Amino acid sequence: MTLRYVLHPGWIRSKTDGQVHFIGSVALARCYGVPLRECVSARPGDSLKGPWPEGLVHLEPQYDGNYTL
């Protein structure tokens, strides 16, 4: 298994409806279209700068709903 992504689940206010939603790790991977087996999940609130191996792509909930890589 090769890790390529760090999922950062968390709360986000939707640009579309103005409501606050929690986006979990599985939903986040689906939004970005990345395989869950290539992901490691951070705890909500973990820093993007934390002790992550170099070269991993960090994925977060997006206010505007744009989940392109």
N, C-alpha and C. Protein backbone atom coordinates (compact mmCIF):
# COMPACT_ATOMS: atom_id res chain seq x y z
N MET A 1 0.85 -1.18 0.00
CA MET A 1 0.00 0.00 0.00
C MET A 1 0.90 1.24 0.00
N THR A 2 0.62 2.14 -0.90
CA THR A 2 1.36 3.38 -0.98
C THR A 2 0.47 4.52 -0.51
N LEU A 3 0.90 5.23 0.50
CA LEU A 3 0.14 6.39 0.97
C LEU A 3 0.46 7.58 0.09
N ARG A 4 -0.58 8.25 -0.35
CA ARG A 4 -0.39 9.42 -1.20
C ARG A 4 -1.10 10.65 -0.66
N TYR A 5 -2.12 10.45 0.19
CA TYR A 5 -2.96 11.55 0.63
C TYR A 5 -3.15 11.56 2.14
N VAL A 6 -3.30 12.76 2.69
CA VAL A 6 -3.69 12.92 4.09
C VAL A 6 -5.06 13.58 4.08
N LEU A 7 -6.04 12.91 4.61
CA LEU A 7 -7.40 13.45 4.69
C LEU A 7 -7.54 14.23 5.99
N HIS A 8 -8.01 15.46 5.88
CA HIS A 8 -8.23 16.31 7.05
C HIS A 8 -9.73 16.57 7.19
N PRO A 9 -10.46 15.64 7.85
CA PRO A 9 -11.89 15.84 8.03
C PRO A 9 -12.15 17.07 8.90
N GLY A 10 -13.32 17.65 8.73
CA GLY A 10 -13.64 18.79 9.56
C GLY A 10 -14.94 19.47 9.16
N TRP A 11 -15.21 20.54 9.87
CA TRP A 11 -16.42 21.33 9.65
C TRP A 11 -16.17 22.38 8.57
N ILE A 12 -17.18 22.62 7.75
CA ILE A 12 -17.08 23.62 6.70
C ILE A 12 -18.45 24.23 6.46
N ARG A 13 -18.49 25.54 6.24
CA ARG A 13 -19.74 26.21 5.89
C ARG A 13 -19.88 26.15 4.38
N SER A 14 -20.99 25.65 3.93
CA SER A 14 -21.23 25.49 2.51
C SER A 14 -21.52 26.84 1.84
N LYS A 15 -20.85 27.09 0.75
CA LYS A 15 -21.11 28.30 -0.04
C LYS A 15 -22.52 28.24 -0.64
N THR A 16 -22.96 27.02 -0.95
CA THR A 16 -24.25 26.84 -1.62
C THR A 16 -25.44 27.12 -0.72
N ASP A 17 -25.46 26.51 0.49
CA ASP A 17 -26.63 26.67 1.34
C ASP A 17 -26.35 27.41 2.65
N GLY A 18 -25.09 27.76 2.90
CA GLY A 18 -24.75 28.51 4.11
C GLY A 18 -24.76 27.69 5.38
N GLN A 19 -25.09 26.41 5.29
CA GLN A 19 -25.13 25.56 6.47
C GLN A 19 -23.75 24.99 6.76
N VAL A 20 -23.55 24.61 8.02
CA VAL A 20 -22.28 24.03 8.44
C VAL A 20 -22.42 22.51 8.38
N HIS A 21 -21.45 21.87 7.75
CA HIS A 21 -21.47 20.42 7.57
C HIS A 21 -20.14 19.84 8.04
N PHE A 22 -20.20 18.63 8.62
CA PHE A 22 -18.97 17.92 8.94
C PHE A 22 -18.69 16.96 7.79
N ILE A 23 -17.50 17.05 7.23
CA ILE A 23 -17.08 16.16 6.16
C ILE A 23 -16.07 15.18 6.76
N GLY A 24 -16.47 13.93 6.86
CA GLY A 24 -15.59 12.89 7.41
C GLY A 24 -14.59 12.39 6.38
N SER A 25 -13.72 11.51 6.82
CA SER A 25 -12.65 11.01 5.96
C SER A 25 -13.16 10.27 4.73
N VAL A 26 -14.12 9.39 4.92
CA VAL A 26 -14.63 8.61 3.79
C VAL A 26 -15.31 9.53 2.78
N ALA A 27 -16.12 10.46 3.26
CA ALA A 27 -16.79 11.41 2.36
C ALA A 27 -15.76 12.29 1.65
N LEU A 28 -14.72 12.69 2.34
CA LEU A 28 -13.68 13.53 1.76
C LEU A 28 -12.96 12.80 0.63
N ALA A 29 -12.61 11.54 0.86
CA ALA A 29 -11.97 10.73 -0.19
C ALA A 29 -12.89 10.60 -1.40
N ARG A 30 -14.18 10.39 -1.15
CA ARG A 30 -15.14 10.29 -2.26
C ARG A 30 -15.24 11.61 -3.02
N CYS A 31 -15.30 12.71 -2.30
CA CYS A 31 -15.40 14.03 -2.96
C CYS A 31 -14.22 14.26 -3.90
N TYR A 32 -13.03 13.91 -3.44
CA TYR A 32 -11.83 14.10 -4.25
C TYR A 32 -11.62 12.99 -5.27
N GLY A 33 -12.35 11.88 -5.13
CA GLY A 33 -12.21 10.76 -6.05
C GLY A 33 -10.91 10.00 -5.89
N VAL A 34 -10.41 9.93 -4.66
CA VAL A 34 -9.16 9.21 -4.42
C VAL A 34 -9.46 7.90 -3.69
N PRO A 35 -8.66 6.86 -3.96
CA PRO A 35 -8.88 5.58 -3.28
C PRO A 35 -8.55 5.68 -1.78
N LEU A 36 -9.45 5.20 -0.97
CA LEU A 36 -9.28 5.26 0.48
C LEU A 36 -8.03 4.49 0.92
N ARG A 37 -7.65 3.46 0.21
CA ARG A 37 -6.47 2.66 0.58
C ARG A 37 -5.18 3.45 0.41
N GLU A 38 -5.22 4.58 -0.31
CA GLU A 38 -4.03 5.43 -0.50
C GLU A 38 -4.02 6.62 0.45
N CYS A 39 -4.92 6.59 1.45
CA CYS A 39 -5.09 7.73 2.34
C CYS A 39 -4.79 7.36 3.79
N VAL A 40 -4.35 8.37 4.52
CA VAL A 40 -4.27 8.29 5.96
C VAL A 40 -5.14 9.43 6.47
N SER A 41 -5.83 9.20 7.55
CA SER A 41 -6.75 10.21 8.05
C SER A 41 -6.18 10.91 9.27
N ALA A 42 -6.18 12.23 9.21
CA ALA A 42 -5.78 13.05 10.36
C ALA A 42 -6.98 13.16 11.29
N ARG A 43 -6.70 13.49 12.54
CA ARG A 43 -7.79 13.78 13.46
C ARG A 43 -8.27 15.20 13.19
N PRO A 44 -9.56 15.47 13.38
CA PRO A 44 -10.03 16.84 13.19
C PRO A 44 -9.20 17.81 14.02
N GLY A 45 -8.73 18.86 13.40
CA GLY A 45 -7.93 19.86 14.07
C GLY A 45 -6.43 19.63 13.97
N ASP A 46 -5.99 18.46 13.46
CA ASP A 46 -4.55 18.22 13.28
C ASP A 46 -3.99 19.22 12.28
N SER A 47 -2.79 19.65 12.52
CA SER A 47 -2.13 20.63 11.67
C SER A 47 -1.74 20.04 10.33
N LEU A 48 -1.83 20.88 9.30
CA LEU A 48 -1.34 20.49 7.98
C LEU A 48 0.18 20.37 7.99
N LYS A 49 0.81 21.11 8.91
CA LYS A 49 2.26 21.13 8.97
C LYS A 49 2.83 20.05 9.88
N GLY A 50 1.94 19.28 10.49
CA GLY A 50 2.37 18.28 11.47
C GLY A 50 3.46 17.35 10.97
N PRO A 51 3.74 16.34 11.70
CA PRO A 51 4.82 15.43 11.34
C PRO A 51 4.42 14.43 10.24
N TRP A 52 4.02 14.95 9.10
CA TRP A 52 3.62 14.10 7.99
C TRP A 52 4.82 13.82 7.09
N PRO A 53 4.90 12.62 6.52
CA PRO A 53 5.97 12.34 5.57
C PRO A 53 5.88 13.31 4.38
N GLU A 54 7.00 13.69 3.86
CA GLU A 54 7.02 14.61 2.73
C GLU A 54 6.41 13.95 1.50
N GLY A 55 5.83 14.78 0.64
CA GLY A 55 5.29 14.31 -0.62
C GLY A 55 3.83 13.91 -0.60
N LEU A 56 3.22 13.88 0.58
CA LEU A 56 1.80 13.54 0.65
C LEU A 56 0.96 14.77 0.31
N VAL A 57 -0.16 14.54 -0.36
CA VAL A 57 -1.08 15.61 -0.71
C VAL A 57 -2.13 15.71 0.40
N HIS A 58 -2.31 16.91 0.93
CA HIS A 58 -3.27 17.14 2.00
C HIS A 58 -4.60 17.57 1.41
N LEU A 59 -5.66 16.89 1.82
CA LEU A 59 -7.00 17.15 1.29
C LEU A 59 -7.92 17.60 2.42
N GLU A 60 -8.58 18.72 2.20
CA GLU A 60 -9.47 19.31 3.21
C GLU A 60 -10.84 19.59 2.60
N PRO A 61 -11.88 19.74 3.46
CA PRO A 61 -13.17 20.18 2.95
C PRO A 61 -13.03 21.56 2.29
N GLN A 62 -13.77 21.76 1.23
CA GLN A 62 -13.68 23.00 0.45
C GLN A 62 -14.98 23.80 0.53
N TYR A 63 -14.86 25.04 0.89
CA TYR A 63 -16.00 25.96 1.01
C TYR A 63 -16.80 26.04 -0.29
N ASP A 64 -16.10 26.10 -1.41
CA ASP A 64 -16.78 26.30 -2.70
C ASP A 64 -17.19 24.99 -3.37
N GLY A 65 -16.89 23.85 -2.74
CA GLY A 65 -17.29 22.57 -3.31
C GLY A 65 -16.39 22.11 -4.44
N ASN A 66 -15.29 22.78 -4.68
CA ASN A 66 -14.36 22.39 -5.75
C ASN A 66 -13.39 21.35 -5.19
N TYR A 67 -13.59 20.10 -5.57
CA TYR A 67 -12.76 19.02 -5.07
C TYR A 67 -11.89 18.42 -6.16
N THR A 68 -11.40 19.25 -7.06
CA THR A 68 -10.45 18.76 -8.05
C THR A 68 -9.06 18.77 -7.44
N LEU A 69 -8.25 17.81 -7.83
CA LEU A 69 -6.89 17.73 -7.33
C LEU A 69 -5.99 18.70 -8.06
